Amino acid sequence: MDLERLKAAAATTKPSIQFKTYTCESDLQPAIKLIERDLSEPYSIYTYRYFVHQWPRLCILAHDTSTAENECVGVIICKLEPHRRRYNEGYFDSSAEQQQQDGGGGSVALNRGYIGMVAVGKPYRKMGIGSALVVRALCAMKEEGAEEVALEAESVNLGALALYEGLGFVREKRLHRYYLGGTDAYRLKMYL
């Protein structure tokens, strides 16, 4: 992945937008309001806290500094964890030497980033804010050792799919009736 190319492509068209990582609980409420307005799945406060308390550097907010209240207009919430893969899936060198280095168990852990939630307020869409949030998160995950990043997006959310695929994500598989409302999702991945 060419991070410099992505950074240049993800410049927001609104100069008053400022990005910051999650720092405290007061950052959470505006982010929750934005996510609840835009995403189809309900999340409990504990789900948000699970992400922001363990991976605050991977939770990024966009604020419009031209508004009196410095309005939160975009948010991305991510995580990064080891993920086990089997050698025979073709992602790793399955040589005897590699298996010996990894304990011979037939699998190895890689660091997988996960984008859990992305939301941009309707009046602020088509300004590059969503792309800028995703690219900032990808860069932070790469700096922390991520080797791949995965996410799910509703199959009917053409805007989100276009955003992710435009940044280089590829559809890995379709997940039938993945969401509570019965809609399908695509799992998308990017190898860093």
N, C-alpha and C. Protein backbone atom coordinates (compact mmCIF):
# COMPACT_ATOMS: atom_id res chain seq x y z
N MET A 1 0.85 -1.17 0.00
CA MET A 1 0.00 0.00 0.00
C MET A 1 0.89 1.24 0.00
N ASP A 2 0.64 2.15 -0.88
CA ASP A 2 1.38 3.40 -0.97
C ASP A 2 0.69 4.45 -0.12
N LEU A 3 1.16 4.60 1.13
CA LEU A 3 0.51 5.51 2.08
C LEU A 3 0.61 6.96 1.62
N GLU A 4 1.71 7.33 1.02
CA GLU A 4 1.87 8.72 0.58
C GLU A 4 0.86 9.07 -0.50
N ARG A 5 0.63 8.14 -1.43
CA ARG A 5 -0.36 8.37 -2.49
C ARG A 5 -1.75 8.50 -1.89
N LEU A 6 -2.05 7.62 -0.92
CA LEU A 6 -3.36 7.68 -0.27
C LEU A 6 -3.54 8.97 0.52
N LYS A 7 -2.51 9.40 1.21
CA LYS A 7 -2.59 10.64 1.98
C LYS A 7 -2.91 11.83 1.07
N ALA A 8 -2.22 11.88 -0.06
CA ALA A 8 -2.45 12.98 -1.00
C ALA A 8 -3.86 12.92 -1.57
N ALA A 9 -4.35 11.72 -1.85
CA ALA A 9 -5.68 11.56 -2.44
C ALA A 9 -6.79 11.84 -1.43
N ALA A 10 -6.48 11.77 -0.15
CA ALA A 10 -7.52 11.90 0.88
C ALA A 10 -7.55 13.27 1.53
N ALA A 11 -7.08 14.26 0.85
CA ALA A 11 -7.14 15.62 1.40
C ALA A 11 -8.58 16.10 1.39
N THR A 12 -9.04 16.60 2.51
CA THR A 12 -10.41 17.11 2.60
C THR A 12 -10.53 18.44 1.85
N THR A 13 -11.69 18.69 1.29
CA THR A 13 -11.90 19.92 0.52
C THR A 13 -12.41 21.06 1.40
N LYS A 14 -12.52 20.83 2.68
CA LYS A 14 -13.02 21.87 3.61
C LYS A 14 -11.90 22.17 4.61
N PRO A 15 -11.25 23.34 4.47
CA PRO A 15 -10.09 23.65 5.31
C PRO A 15 -10.39 23.77 6.80
N SER A 16 -11.64 23.98 7.19
CA SER A 16 -11.95 24.14 8.61
C SER A 16 -12.07 22.80 9.35
N ILE A 17 -11.88 21.68 8.65
CA ILE A 17 -11.97 20.37 9.29
C ILE A 17 -10.64 20.04 9.97
N GLN A 18 -10.72 19.71 11.24
CA GLN A 18 -9.55 19.32 12.03
C GLN A 18 -9.77 17.90 12.53
N PHE A 19 -8.70 17.11 12.54
CA PHE A 19 -8.77 15.72 12.97
C PHE A 19 -8.02 15.56 14.29
N LYS A 20 -8.58 14.72 15.16
CA LYS A 20 -7.92 14.44 16.43
C LYS A 20 -8.25 13.02 16.86
N THR A 21 -7.35 12.42 17.59
CA THR A 21 -7.62 11.09 18.12
C THR A 21 -8.41 11.22 19.42
N TYR A 22 -9.10 10.14 19.75
CA TYR A 22 -9.88 10.07 20.98
C TYR A 22 -8.97 10.33 22.17
N THR A 23 -9.42 11.18 23.09
CA THR A 23 -8.62 11.44 24.29
C THR A 23 -9.38 11.19 25.59
N CYS A 24 -10.70 11.44 25.59
CA CYS A 24 -11.44 11.28 26.85
C CYS A 24 -12.92 11.04 26.56
N GLU A 25 -13.64 10.72 27.62
CA GLU A 25 -15.05 10.36 27.51
C GLU A 25 -15.90 11.44 26.84
N SER A 26 -15.52 12.70 26.98
CA SER A 26 -16.30 13.78 26.35
C SER A 26 -16.24 13.71 24.83
N ASP A 27 -15.25 13.01 24.27
CA ASP A 27 -15.18 12.80 22.82
C ASP A 27 -16.22 11.78 22.34
N LEU A 28 -16.67 10.95 23.26
CA LEU A 28 -17.50 9.81 22.88
C LEU A 28 -18.94 10.18 22.51
N GLN A 29 -19.58 11.05 23.28
CA GLN A 29 -20.99 11.36 23.03
C GLN A 29 -21.26 11.94 21.64
N PRO A 30 -20.47 12.92 21.17
CA PRO A 30 -20.73 13.42 19.81
C PRO A 30 -20.50 12.34 18.74
N ALA A 31 -19.53 11.47 18.97
CA ALA A 31 -19.26 10.39 18.03
C ALA A 31 -20.43 9.40 18.00
N ILE A 32 -20.95 9.06 19.17
CA ILE A 32 -22.08 8.13 19.25
C ILE A 32 -23.30 8.71 18.54
N LYS A 33 -23.59 9.99 18.75
CA LYS A 33 -24.74 10.61 18.08
C LYS A 33 -24.60 10.51 16.56
N LEU A 34 -23.43 10.75 16.06
CA LEU A 34 -23.19 10.70 14.62
C LEU A 34 -23.35 9.27 14.10
N ILE A 35 -22.79 8.31 14.80
CA ILE A 35 -22.88 6.91 14.38
C ILE A 35 -24.32 6.41 14.43
N GLU A 36 -25.03 6.73 15.50
CA GLU A 36 -26.42 6.26 15.63
C GLU A 36 -27.32 6.84 14.54
N ARG A 37 -27.00 8.03 14.08
CA ARG A 37 -27.78 8.66 13.02
C ARG A 37 -27.54 7.98 11.67
N ASP A 38 -26.33 7.50 11.45
CA ASP A 38 -25.94 7.05 10.12
C ASP A 38 -25.81 5.54 9.92
N LEU A 39 -25.55 4.78 10.96
CA LEU A 39 -25.33 3.35 10.78
C LEU A 39 -26.59 2.56 11.13
N SER A 40 -26.72 1.41 10.50
CA SER A 40 -27.95 0.62 10.67
C SER A 40 -27.96 -0.23 11.93
N GLU A 41 -26.80 -0.48 12.52
CA GLU A 41 -26.72 -1.36 13.69
C GLU A 41 -26.69 -0.55 14.99
N PRO A 42 -27.44 -0.97 15.99
CA PRO A 42 -27.33 -0.31 17.30
C PRO A 42 -26.13 -0.87 18.08
N TYR A 43 -25.44 -0.02 18.79
CA TYR A 43 -24.31 -0.45 19.62
C TYR A 43 -24.53 0.07 21.03
N SER A 44 -24.11 -0.71 22.01
CA SER A 44 -24.20 -0.26 23.40
C SER A 44 -22.98 0.61 23.71
N ILE A 45 -23.07 1.37 24.78
CA ILE A 45 -21.96 2.21 25.21
C ILE A 45 -20.72 1.37 25.47
N TYR A 46 -20.91 0.12 25.87
CA TYR A 46 -19.78 -0.75 26.17
C TYR A 46 -19.02 -1.15 24.90
N THR A 47 -19.73 -1.25 23.80
CA THR A 47 -19.05 -1.54 22.53
C THR A 47 -18.13 -0.38 22.16
N TYR A 48 -18.63 0.83 22.26
CA TYR A 48 -17.79 2.00 21.97
C TYR A 48 -16.59 2.04 22.89
N ARG A 49 -16.83 1.84 24.17
CA ARG A 49 -15.73 1.89 25.14
C ARG A 49 -14.71 0.79 24.91
N TYR A 50 -15.17 -0.38 24.48
CA TYR A 50 -14.25 -1.47 24.15
C TYR A 50 -13.21 -0.99 23.14
N PHE A 51 -13.65 -0.30 22.11
CA PHE A 51 -12.73 0.21 21.09
C PHE A 51 -11.90 1.38 21.61
N VAL A 52 -12.54 2.42 22.10
CA VAL A 52 -11.83 3.66 22.39
C VAL A 52 -10.87 3.56 23.57
N HIS A 53 -11.15 2.69 24.52
CA HIS A 53 -10.25 2.57 25.67
C HIS A 53 -9.04 1.71 25.36
N GLN A 54 -9.19 0.73 24.47
CA GLN A 54 -8.05 -0.13 24.13
C GLN A 54 -7.22 0.41 22.97
N TRP A 55 -7.87 1.11 22.04
CA TRP A 55 -7.17 1.60 20.85
C TRP A 55 -7.50 3.07 20.59
N PRO A 56 -7.22 3.96 21.55
CA PRO A 56 -7.59 5.37 21.35
C PRO A 56 -6.91 6.00 20.14
N ARG A 57 -5.72 5.55 19.79
CA ARG A 57 -5.02 6.10 18.63
C ARG A 57 -5.69 5.74 17.33
N LEU A 58 -6.54 4.71 17.36
CA LEU A 58 -7.21 4.25 16.14
C LEU A 58 -8.66 4.73 16.08
N CYS A 59 -9.01 5.63 16.98
CA CYS A 59 -10.35 6.23 17.00
C CYS A 59 -10.16 7.72 16.74
N ILE A 60 -10.60 8.16 15.57
CA ILE A 60 -10.30 9.51 15.10
C ILE A 60 -11.59 10.26 14.84
N LEU A 61 -11.62 11.51 15.27
CA LEU A 61 -12.79 12.37 15.08
C LEU A 61 -12.43 13.53 14.17
N ALA A 62 -13.40 13.96 13.37
CA ALA A 62 -13.26 15.14 12.52
C ALA A 62 -14.19 16.22 13.07
N HIS A 63 -13.65 17.40 13.30
CA HIS A 63 -14.43 18.53 13.83
C HIS A 63 -14.40 19.67 12.84
N ASP A 64 -15.52 20.35 12.72
CA ASP A 64 -15.58 21.56 11.89
C ASP A 64 -15.34 22.75 12.79
N THR A 65 -14.15 23.33 12.68
CA THR A 65 -13.77 24.45 13.55
C THR A 65 -14.48 25.75 13.18
N SER A 66 -15.18 25.76 12.05
CA SER A 66 -15.90 26.98 11.67
C SER A 66 -17.26 27.09 12.35
N THR A 67 -17.69 26.04 13.04
CA THR A 67 -18.96 26.09 13.76
C THR A 67 -18.70 26.57 15.19
N ALA A 68 -19.68 27.21 15.77
CA ALA A 68 -19.52 27.78 17.12
C ALA A 68 -19.18 26.70 18.15
N GLU A 69 -19.77 25.52 17.99
CA GLU A 69 -19.54 24.46 18.97
C GLU A 69 -18.48 23.46 18.54
N ASN A 70 -17.69 23.78 17.49
CA ASN A 70 -16.63 22.89 17.03
C ASN A 70 -17.21 21.49 16.77
N GLU A 71 -18.28 21.44 15.98
CA GLU A 71 -19.10 20.26 15.77
C GLU A 71 -18.32 19.05 15.28
N CYS A 72 -18.62 17.89 15.88
CA CYS A 72 -18.07 16.62 15.41
C CYS A 72 -18.84 16.23 14.14
N VAL A 73 -18.14 16.13 13.02
CA VAL A 73 -18.80 15.87 11.74
C VAL A 73 -18.40 14.53 11.12
N GLY A 74 -17.44 13.84 11.75
CA GLY A 74 -17.02 12.56 11.24
C GLY A 74 -16.28 11.78 12.30
N VAL A 75 -16.33 10.45 12.19
CA VAL A 75 -15.65 9.60 13.17
C VAL A 75 -15.31 8.26 12.53
N ILE A 76 -14.18 7.70 12.94
CA ILE A 76 -13.82 6.33 12.59
C ILE A 76 -13.36 5.65 13.87
N ILE A 77 -13.81 4.43 14.09
CA ILE A 77 -13.46 3.67 15.29
C ILE A 77 -12.91 2.33 14.85
N CYS A 78 -11.67 2.04 15.26
CA CYS A 78 -10.95 0.86 14.77
C CYS A 78 -10.27 0.12 15.92
N LYS A 79 -9.72 -1.04 15.58
CA LYS A 79 -8.91 -1.80 16.52
C LYS A 79 -7.80 -2.52 15.76
N LEU A 80 -6.86 -3.08 16.50
CA LEU A 80 -5.74 -3.82 15.93
C LEU A 80 -5.39 -4.97 16.86
N GLU A 81 -5.46 -6.20 16.35
CA GLU A 81 -5.20 -7.38 17.17
C GLU A 81 -4.51 -8.45 16.34
N PRO A 82 -3.84 -9.38 17.03
CA PRO A 82 -3.31 -10.54 16.29
C PRO A 82 -4.47 -11.38 15.76
N HIS A 83 -4.29 -11.91 14.57
CA HIS A 83 -5.32 -12.75 13.93
C HIS A 83 -4.62 -14.00 13.41
N ARG A 84 -5.16 -15.14 13.74
CA ARG A 84 -4.52 -16.41 13.33
C ARG A 84 -5.01 -16.84 11.95
N ARG A 85 -4.07 -17.28 11.14
CA ARG A 85 -4.37 -17.80 9.80
C ARG A 85 -3.62 -19.11 9.62
N ARG A 86 -4.20 -20.01 8.90
CA ARG A 86 -3.55 -21.28 8.60
C ARG A 86 -2.61 -21.10 7.41
N TYR A 87 -1.51 -21.86 7.42
CA TYR A 87 -0.56 -21.79 6.32
C TYR A 87 -1.20 -22.13 4.98
N ASN A 88 -2.08 -23.12 4.97
CA ASN A 88 -2.62 -23.60 3.70
C ASN A 88 -3.60 -22.63 3.05
N GLU A 89 -3.85 -21.50 3.67
CA GLU A 89 -4.72 -20.51 3.04
C GLU A 89 -3.95 -19.66 2.03
N GLY A 90 -2.63 -19.88 1.96
CA GLY A 90 -1.85 -19.21 0.93
C GLY A 90 -1.34 -17.83 1.29
N TYR A 91 -1.50 -17.40 2.53
CA TYR A 91 -1.05 -16.06 2.90
C TYR A 91 0.39 -16.05 3.40
N PHE A 92 0.89 -17.19 3.79
CA PHE A 92 2.20 -17.25 4.42
C PHE A 92 3.07 -18.30 3.74
N ASP A 93 4.36 -18.17 3.98
CA ASP A 93 5.32 -19.16 3.51
C ASP A 93 5.10 -20.43 4.33
N SER A 94 4.74 -21.51 3.67
CA SER A 94 4.45 -22.74 4.41
C SER A 94 5.65 -23.68 4.46
N SER A 95 6.84 -23.14 4.25
CA SER A 95 8.02 -23.98 4.27
C SER A 95 8.22 -24.56 5.67
N ALA A 96 8.96 -25.66 5.73
CA ALA A 96 9.24 -26.29 7.00
C ALA A 96 9.99 -25.34 7.91
N GLU A 97 10.89 -24.53 7.34
CA GLU A 97 11.64 -23.57 8.13
C GLU A 97 10.70 -22.55 8.80
N GLN A 98 9.73 -22.04 8.03
CA GLN A 98 8.79 -21.06 8.57
C GLN A 98 7.93 -21.70 9.65
N GLN A 99 7.46 -22.93 9.41
CA GLN A 99 6.62 -23.60 10.39
C GLN A 99 7.41 -23.86 11.68
N GLN A 100 8.69 -24.19 11.55
CA GLN A 100 9.53 -24.41 12.72
C GLN A 100 9.67 -23.12 13.53
N GLN A 101 9.85 -21.99 12.84
CA GLN A 101 9.97 -20.71 13.52
C GLN A 101 8.71 -20.36 14.29
N ASP A 102 7.57 -20.78 13.76
CA ASP A 102 6.29 -20.44 14.38
C ASP A 102 5.77 -21.54 15.30
N GLY A 103 6.62 -22.49 15.64
CA GLY A 103 6.23 -23.53 16.59
C GLY A 103 5.61 -24.74 15.94
N GLY A 104 5.57 -24.80 14.62
CA GLY A 104 5.08 -25.98 13.92
C GLY A 104 3.60 -26.22 14.02
N GLY A 105 2.83 -25.27 14.49
CA GLY A 105 1.40 -25.49 14.69
C GLY A 105 0.55 -25.33 13.45
N GLY A 106 1.13 -24.97 12.32
CA GLY A 106 0.34 -24.84 11.10
C GLY A 106 -0.38 -23.52 10.97
N SER A 107 -0.16 -22.61 11.89
CA SER A 107 -0.78 -21.30 11.78
C SER A 107 0.18 -20.25 12.34
N VAL A 108 -0.08 -19.03 12.01
CA VAL A 108 0.75 -17.93 12.47
C VAL A 108 -0.15 -16.72 12.71
N ALA A 109 0.23 -15.89 13.65
CA ALA A 109 -0.56 -14.69 13.92
C ALA A 109 -0.04 -13.54 13.06
N LEU A 110 -0.96 -12.78 12.51
CA LEU A 110 -0.59 -11.54 11.85
C LEU A 110 -1.40 -10.44 12.51
N ASN A 111 -0.92 -9.24 12.41
CA ASN A 111 -1.64 -8.12 13.00
C ASN A 111 -2.69 -7.64 12.02
N ARG A 112 -3.95 -7.76 12.43
CA ARG A 112 -5.06 -7.34 11.57
C ARG A 112 -5.74 -6.14 12.18
N GLY A 113 -5.79 -5.07 11.40
CA GLY A 113 -6.59 -3.92 11.78
C GLY A 113 -8.04 -4.18 11.39
N TYR A 114 -8.93 -3.56 12.11
CA TYR A 114 -10.35 -3.72 11.83
C TYR A 114 -11.02 -2.36 11.94
N ILE A 115 -11.75 -1.98 10.91
CA ILE A 115 -12.52 -0.75 10.93
C ILE A 115 -13.93 -1.13 11.36
N GLY A 116 -14.30 -0.72 12.56
CA GLY A 116 -15.59 -1.10 13.13
C GLY A 116 -16.72 -0.16 12.74
N MET A 117 -16.44 1.13 12.70
CA MET A 117 -17.49 2.12 12.44
C MET A 117 -16.88 3.34 11.75
N VAL A 118 -17.57 3.84 10.76
CA VAL A 118 -17.22 5.10 10.10
C VAL A 118 -18.52 5.85 9.85
N ALA A 119 -18.55 7.11 10.20
CA ALA A 119 -19.73 7.93 9.93
C ALA A 119 -19.30 9.36 9.65
N VAL A 120 -19.96 9.96 8.67
CA VAL A 120 -19.77 11.38 8.35
C VAL A 120 -21.16 11.98 8.24
N GLY A 121 -21.37 13.11 8.90
CA GLY A 121 -22.66 13.78 8.85
C GLY A 121 -23.07 14.13 7.43
N LYS A 122 -24.35 13.99 7.12
CA LYS A 122 -24.84 14.20 5.75
C LYS A 122 -24.40 15.52 5.13
N PRO A 123 -24.47 16.65 5.84
CA PRO A 123 -24.06 17.91 5.19
C PRO A 123 -22.56 17.96 4.86
N TYR A 124 -21.78 17.03 5.40
CA TYR A 124 -20.33 17.04 5.23
C TYR A 124 -19.82 15.94 4.30
N ARG A 125 -20.73 15.23 3.67
CA ARG A 125 -20.31 14.18 2.75
C ARG A 125 -19.85 14.77 1.42
N LYS A 126 -19.08 13.99 0.70
CA LYS A 126 -18.52 14.39 -0.61
C LYS A 126 -17.49 15.52 -0.47
N MET A 127 -16.88 15.63 0.71
CA MET A 127 -15.83 16.63 0.93
C MET A 127 -14.49 15.97 1.23
N GLY A 128 -14.43 14.64 1.15
CA GLY A 128 -13.19 13.93 1.41
C GLY A 128 -12.95 13.59 2.88
N ILE A 129 -13.92 13.88 3.74
CA ILE A 129 -13.74 13.64 5.17
C ILE A 129 -13.69 12.14 5.47
N GLY A 130 -14.58 11.36 4.87
CA GLY A 130 -14.57 9.91 5.09
C GLY A 130 -13.26 9.29 4.63
N SER A 131 -12.81 9.66 3.45
CA SER A 131 -11.52 9.14 2.95
C SER A 131 -10.38 9.55 3.87
N ALA A 132 -10.39 10.80 4.31
CA ALA A 132 -9.32 11.28 5.19
C ALA A 132 -9.30 10.51 6.51
N LEU A 133 -10.49 10.22 7.06
CA LEU A 133 -10.56 9.44 8.30
C LEU A 133 -9.99 8.04 8.09
N VAL A 134 -10.40 7.38 6.99
CA VAL A 134 -9.93 6.02 6.73
C VAL A 134 -8.42 6.01 6.51
N VAL A 135 -7.91 6.94 5.73
CA VAL A 135 -6.46 6.98 5.47
C VAL A 135 -5.69 7.25 6.76
N ARG A 136 -6.16 8.15 7.60
CA ARG A 136 -5.49 8.40 8.87
C ARG A 136 -5.46 7.14 9.73
N ALA A 137 -6.58 6.42 9.75
CA ALA A 137 -6.64 5.18 10.52
C ALA A 137 -5.70 4.12 9.93
N LEU A 138 -5.66 4.01 8.60
CA LEU A 138 -4.76 3.05 7.96
C LEU A 138 -3.31 3.36 8.29
N CYS A 139 -2.94 4.62 8.25
CA CYS A 139 -1.57 5.03 8.57
C CYS A 139 -1.23 4.70 10.02
N ALA A 140 -2.15 4.97 10.94
CA ALA A 140 -1.92 4.67 12.35
C ALA A 140 -1.79 3.16 12.56
N MET A 141 -2.64 2.38 11.88
CA MET A 141 -2.55 0.93 12.01
C MET A 141 -1.23 0.41 11.45
N LYS A 142 -0.82 0.93 10.31
CA LYS A 142 0.46 0.52 9.70
C LYS A 142 1.62 0.83 10.65
N GLU A 143 1.61 2.02 11.25
CA GLU A 143 2.66 2.40 12.20
C GLU A 143 2.69 1.46 13.40
N GLU A 144 1.55 0.90 13.77
CA GLU A 144 1.48 -0.01 14.91
C GLU A 144 1.66 -1.47 14.50
N GLY A 145 2.02 -1.71 13.22
CA GLY A 145 2.37 -3.06 12.79
C GLY A 145 1.29 -3.85 12.08
N ALA A 146 0.21 -3.22 11.66
CA ALA A 146 -0.85 -3.95 10.95
C ALA A 146 -0.33 -4.47 9.61
N GLU A 147 -0.72 -5.68 9.29
CA GLU A 147 -0.34 -6.28 8.02
C GLU A 147 -1.53 -6.34 7.06
N GLU A 148 -2.73 -6.30 7.61
CA GLU A 148 -3.95 -6.25 6.80
C GLU A 148 -5.01 -5.51 7.60
N VAL A 149 -6.01 -5.03 6.88
CA VAL A 149 -7.14 -4.35 7.52
C VAL A 149 -8.42 -4.92 6.92
N ALA A 150 -9.39 -5.19 7.76
CA ALA A 150 -10.67 -5.75 7.31
C ALA A 150 -11.81 -4.87 7.82
N LEU A 151 -12.95 -4.99 7.17
CA LEU A 151 -14.16 -4.30 7.58
C LEU A 151 -15.35 -4.96 6.92
N GLU A 152 -16.54 -4.65 7.40
CA GLU A 152 -17.76 -5.07 6.74
C GLU A 152 -18.56 -3.82 6.36
N ALA A 153 -19.20 -3.89 5.20
CA ALA A 153 -20.07 -2.79 4.74
C ALA A 153 -21.33 -3.39 4.16
N GLU A 154 -22.45 -2.71 4.40
CA GLU A 154 -23.73 -3.19 3.86
C GLU A 154 -23.65 -3.27 2.34
N SER A 155 -24.18 -4.33 1.79
CA SER A 155 -24.15 -4.52 0.34
C SER A 155 -24.92 -3.44 -0.40
N VAL A 156 -25.86 -2.78 0.28
CA VAL A 156 -26.65 -1.73 -0.36
C VAL A 156 -26.06 -0.33 -0.15
N ASN A 157 -24.99 -0.23 0.62
CA ASN A 157 -24.36 1.06 0.90
C ASN A 157 -23.31 1.34 -0.18
N LEU A 158 -23.80 1.78 -1.32
CA LEU A 158 -22.92 1.98 -2.48
C LEU A 158 -21.88 3.07 -2.24
N GLY A 159 -22.22 4.09 -1.46
CA GLY A 159 -21.27 5.15 -1.16
C GLY A 159 -20.08 4.63 -0.36
N ALA A 160 -20.36 3.83 0.66
CA ALA A 160 -19.29 3.26 1.49
C ALA A 160 -18.44 2.30 0.66
N LEU A 161 -19.08 1.46 -0.13
CA LEU A 161 -18.32 0.51 -0.96
C LEU A 161 -17.41 1.25 -1.94
N ALA A 162 -17.92 2.33 -2.54
CA ALA A 162 -17.10 3.12 -3.48
C ALA A 162 -15.93 3.76 -2.75
N LEU A 163 -16.15 4.26 -1.55
CA LEU A 163 -15.07 4.87 -0.77
C LEU A 163 -13.97 3.86 -0.50
N TYR A 164 -14.34 2.71 0.05
CA TYR A 164 -13.35 1.70 0.42
C TYR A 164 -12.63 1.14 -0.81
N GLU A 165 -13.38 0.81 -1.84
CA GLU A 165 -12.74 0.26 -3.03
C GLU A 165 -11.87 1.30 -3.72
N GLY A 166 -12.25 2.56 -3.65
CA GLY A 166 -11.43 3.63 -4.22
C GLY A 166 -10.11 3.79 -3.49
N LEU A 167 -10.07 3.38 -2.23
CA LEU A 167 -8.83 3.44 -1.45
C LEU A 167 -7.99 2.18 -1.59
N GLY A 168 -8.54 1.15 -2.24
CA GLY A 168 -7.76 -0.07 -2.47
C GLY A 168 -8.24 -1.31 -1.76
N PHE A 169 -9.35 -1.23 -1.03
CA PHE A 169 -9.92 -2.43 -0.41
C PHE A 169 -10.53 -3.30 -1.50
N VAL A 170 -10.52 -4.61 -1.27
CA VAL A 170 -11.15 -5.55 -2.20
C VAL A 170 -12.19 -6.37 -1.45
N ARG A 171 -13.24 -6.74 -2.16
CA ARG A 171 -14.28 -7.57 -1.54
C ARG A 171 -13.75 -8.99 -1.38
N GLU A 172 -13.80 -9.48 -0.16
CA GLU A 172 -13.35 -10.84 0.11
C GLU A 172 -14.51 -11.83 -0.01
N LYS A 173 -15.64 -11.49 0.59
CA LYS A 173 -16.81 -12.37 0.49
C LYS A 173 -18.07 -11.63 0.86
N ARG A 174 -19.18 -12.22 0.46
CA ARG A 174 -20.50 -11.68 0.81
C ARG A 174 -21.00 -12.44 2.03
N LEU A 175 -21.51 -11.70 3.00
CA LEU A 175 -22.03 -12.29 4.24
C LEU A 175 -23.54 -12.14 4.21
N HIS A 176 -24.24 -13.23 3.99
CA HIS A 176 -25.70 -13.20 3.82
C HIS A 176 -26.40 -12.92 5.15
N ARG A 177 -27.38 -11.99 5.10
CA ARG A 177 -28.19 -11.62 6.26
C ARG A 177 -27.31 -11.28 7.47
N TYR A 178 -26.25 -10.55 7.24
CA TYR A 178 -25.26 -10.22 8.27
C TYR A 178 -25.80 -9.23 9.30
N TYR A 179 -26.58 -8.27 8.86
CA TYR A 179 -27.07 -7.22 9.75
C TYR A 179 -28.43 -7.58 10.34
N LEU A 180 -28.77 -6.97 11.47
CA LEU A 180 -30.01 -7.27 12.17
C LEU A 180 -31.24 -7.09 11.28
N GLY A 181 -31.21 -6.12 10.40
CA GLY A 181 -32.33 -5.88 9.50
C GLY A 181 -32.43 -6.88 8.37
N GLY A 182 -31.50 -7.83 8.31
CA GLY A 182 -31.54 -8.87 7.29
C GLY A 182 -30.75 -8.56 6.03
N THR A 183 -30.10 -7.40 5.97
CA THR A 183 -29.34 -7.07 4.76
C THR A 183 -28.00 -7.79 4.77
N ASP A 184 -27.48 -8.00 3.58
CA ASP A 184 -26.18 -8.63 3.40
C ASP A 184 -25.07 -7.62 3.62
N ALA A 185 -23.86 -8.14 3.83
CA ALA A 185 -22.68 -7.29 3.95
C ALA A 185 -21.61 -7.87 3.05
N TYR A 186 -20.65 -7.05 2.72
CA TYR A 186 -19.41 -7.51 2.10
C TYR A 186 -18.30 -7.36 3.13
N ARG A 187 -17.43 -8.37 3.23
CA ARG A 187 -16.20 -8.21 3.99
C ARG A 187 -15.16 -7.73 2.99
N LEU A 188 -14.54 -6.61 3.31
CA LEU A 188 -13.50 -6.04 2.46
C LEU A 188 -12.18 -6.10 3.19
N LYS A 189 -11.09 -6.24 2.43
CA LYS A 189 -9.75 -6.32 3.01
C LYS A 189 -8.77 -5.50 2.22
N MET A 190 -7.74 -5.08 2.93
CA MET A 190 -6.60 -4.42 2.30
C MET A 190 -5.36 -4.98 2.97
N TYR A 191 -4.38 -5.36 2.16
CA TYR A 191 -3.10 -5.81 2.70
C TYR A 191 -2.15 -4.62 2.68
N LEU A 192 -1.52 -4.37 3.82
CA LEU A 192 -0.66 -3.20 3.94
C LEU A 192 0.79 -3.54 3.61
